[in-house]
Amino acid sequence: MYFVYFLECADKSIYTGITTDVKRRFAEHKAGKGGHYTSSKRAVKIVYTEEHSDRSSASKREAEIKCWSRNKKLELIKNNRRSKKNV
């Protein structure tokens, strides 16, 4: 199982990544071991996750999302929160 995730950074930017373990990966970002972007921007919280059955589909989705505008990413986050409230 793989996950595509969004992190909100201290400067309110959104980082997109993939992992097999969201909690572990977030801890790595918080510890400054998650790559240059999140170590310089300081990861604050996970704001979105979506599940994928394999690395290939997660990587394709990550690449697709990375081309999106900030507003489109925020809309995905908002719609996801709305759908979770209606469950």
C-alpha atoms as a PDB file:
ATOM      1  CA  MET A   1       0.000   0.000   0.000  1.00  0.00           C
ATOM      2  CA  TYR A   2       1.268   3.466  -0.962  1.00  0.00           C
ATOM      3  CA  PHE A   3      -0.023   6.905  -0.054  1.00  0.00           C
ATOM      4  CA  VAL A   4       0.104  10.261  -1.787  1.00  0.00           C
ATOM      5  CA  TYR A   5       0.216  12.955   0.878  1.00  0.00           C
ATOM      6  CA  PHE A   6       0.245  16.721   1.245  1.00  0.00           C
ATOM      7  CA  LEU A   7       2.137  18.485   4.000  1.00  0.00           C
ATOM      8  CA  GLU A   8       1.501  22.059   4.974  1.00  0.00           C
ATOM      9  CA  CYS A   9       4.732  23.867   5.719  1.00  0.00           C
ATOM     10  CA  ALA A  10       5.325  26.782   8.103  1.00  0.00           C
ATOM     11  CA  ASP A  11       5.171  29.243   5.199  1.00  0.00           C
ATOM     12  CA  LYS A  12       1.747  27.764   4.215  1.00  0.00           C
ATOM     13  CA  SER A  13       3.193  26.091   1.103  1.00  0.00           C
ATOM     14  CA  ILE A  14       2.025  22.581   0.237  1.00  0.00           C
ATOM     15  CA  TYR A  15       4.471  19.731  -0.311  1.00  0.00           C
ATOM     16  CA  THR A  16       3.337  16.598  -2.181  1.00  0.00           C
ATOM     17  CA  GLY A  17       5.003  13.213  -1.735  1.00  0.00           C
ATOM     18  CA  ILE A  18       4.473   9.444  -1.639  1.00  0.00           C
ATOM     19  CA  THR A  19       5.232   6.891   1.055  1.00  0.00           C
ATOM     20  CA  THR A  20       4.240   3.517   2.456  1.00  0.00           C
ATOM     21  CA  ASP A  21       3.994   4.909   6.001  1.00  0.00           C
ATOM     22  CA  VAL A  22       2.593   8.421   6.413  1.00  0.00           C
ATOM     23  CA  LYS A  23       3.352   8.746  10.153  1.00  0.00           C
ATOM     24  CA  ARG A  24       6.973   7.645   9.717  1.00  0.00           C
ATOM     25  CA  ARG A  25       7.501   9.917   6.720  1.00  0.00           C
ATOM     26  CA  PHE A  26       5.987  12.902   8.523  1.00  0.00           C
ATOM     27  CA  ALA A  27       8.329  12.268  11.468  1.00  0.00           C
ATOM     28  CA  GLU A  28      11.253  12.258   9.014  1.00  0.00           C
ATOM     29  CA  HIS A  29      10.111  15.580   7.541  1.00  0.00           C
ATOM     30  CA  LYS A  30       9.712  17.070  11.038  1.00  0.00           C
ATOM     31  CA  ALA A  31      13.228  15.895  11.951  1.00  0.00           C
ATOM     32  CA  GLY A  32      14.679  17.601   8.871  1.00  0.00           C
ATOM     33  CA  LYS A  33      15.406  14.290   7.124  1.00  0.00           C
ATOM     34  CA  GLY A  34      12.628  14.526   4.550  1.00  0.00           C
ATOM     35  CA  GLY A  35      14.475  16.365   1.833  1.00  0.00           C
ATOM     36  CA  HIS A  36      15.648  19.890   1.155  1.00  0.00           C
ATOM     37  CA  TYR A  37      12.247  21.489   0.584  1.00  0.00           C
ATOM     38  CA  THR A  38      10.628  20.418   3.840  1.00  0.00           C
ATOM     39  CA  SER A  39      13.783  20.865   5.895  1.00  0.00           C
ATOM     40  CA  SER A  40      13.993  24.496   4.774  1.00  0.00           C
ATOM     41  CA  LYS A  41      10.228  25.195   4.872  1.00  0.00           C
ATOM     42  CA  ARG A  42       9.527  23.200   8.107  1.00  0.00           C
ATOM     43  CA  ALA A  43       6.716  20.656   7.794  1.00  0.00           C
ATOM     44  CA  VAL A  44       3.819  21.503  10.115  1.00  0.00           C
ATOM     45  CA  LYS A  45       1.008  19.035   9.459  1.00  0.00           C
ATOM     46  CA  ILE A  46      -0.408  16.457   7.097  1.00  0.00           C
ATOM     47  CA  VAL A  47      -3.410  17.948   5.329  1.00  0.00           C
ATOM     48  CA  TYR A  48      -4.311  15.236   2.813  1.00  0.00           C
ATOM     49  CA  THR A  49      -3.703  11.557   2.074  1.00  0.00           C
ATOM     50  CA  GLU A  50      -4.973   9.169  -0.545  1.00  0.00           C
ATOM     51  CA  GLU A  51      -4.351   5.438  -0.783  1.00  0.00           C
ATOM     52  CA  HIS A  52      -2.931   3.574  -3.805  1.00  0.00           C
ATOM     53  CA  SER A  53      -2.448  -0.131  -4.319  1.00  0.00           C
ATOM     54  CA  ASP A  54       1.054   0.151  -5.788  1.00  0.00           C
ATOM     55  CA  ARG A  55       4.019   2.460  -6.194  1.00  0.00           C
ATOM     56  CA  SER A  56       3.354   3.022  -9.894  1.00  0.00           C
ATOM     57  CA  SER A  57      -0.138   4.437  -9.427  1.00  0.00           C
ATOM     58  CA  ALA A  58       0.985   6.560  -6.459  1.00  0.00           C
ATOM     59  CA  SER A  59       3.915   7.964  -8.448  1.00  0.00           C
ATOM     60  CA  LYS A  60       1.685   8.787 -11.415  1.00  0.00           C
ATOM     61  CA  ARG A  61      -0.807  10.545  -9.153  1.00  0.00           C
ATOM     62  CA  GLU A  62       1.977  12.472  -7.400  1.00  0.00           C
ATOM     63  CA  ALA A  63       3.324  13.648 -10.768  1.00  0.00           C
ATOM     64  CA  GLU A  64      -0.170  14.713 -11.850  1.00  0.00           C
ATOM     65  CA  ILE A  65      -0.789  16.660  -8.639  1.00  0.00           C
ATOM     66  CA  LYS A  66       2.610  18.383  -8.728  1.00  0.00           C
ATOM     67  CA  CYS A  67       1.516  20.054 -11.979  1.00  0.00           C
ATOM     68  CA  TRP A  68      -1.574  21.520 -10.340  1.00  0.00           C
ATOM     69  CA  SER A  69      -1.977  25.063  -9.101  1.00  0.00           C
ATOM     70  CA  ARG A  70      -2.056  25.750  -5.381  1.00  0.00           C
ATOM     71  CA  ASN A  71      -5.783  26.536  -5.640  1.00  0.00           C
ATOM     72  CA  LYS A  72      -6.548  23.164  -7.207  1.00  0.00           C
ATOM     73  CA  LYS A  73      -4.641  21.395  -4.389  1.00  0.00           C
ATOM     74  CA  LEU A  74      -6.535  23.425  -1.770  1.00  0.00           C
ATOM     75  CA  GLU A  75      -9.821  22.469  -3.428  1.00  0.00           C
ATOM     76  CA  LEU A  76      -8.886  18.771  -3.224  1.00  0.00           C
ATOM     77  CA  ILE A  77      -8.074  19.181   0.485  1.00  0.00           C
ATOM     78  CA  LYS A  78     -11.351  21.025   1.105  1.00  0.00           C
ATOM     79  CA  ASN A  79     -13.448  18.448  -0.764  1.00  0.00           C
ATOM     80  CA  ASN A  80     -11.734  15.613   1.089  1.00  0.00           C
ATOM     81  CA  ARG A  81     -12.525  17.187   4.486  1.00  0.00           C
ATOM     82  CA  ARG A  82     -16.129  17.738   3.410  1.00  0.00           C
ATOM     83  CA  SER A  83     -16.559  14.107   2.307  1.00  0.00           C
ATOM     84  CA  LYS A  84     -15.062  12.795   5.588  1.00  0.00           C
ATOM     85  CA  LYS A  85     -17.588  14.859   7.571  1.00  0.00           C
ATOM     86  CA  ASN A  86     -20.455  13.264   5.621  1.00  0.00           C
ATOM     87  CA  VAL A  87     -19.386   9.676   6.372  1.00  0.00           C
END
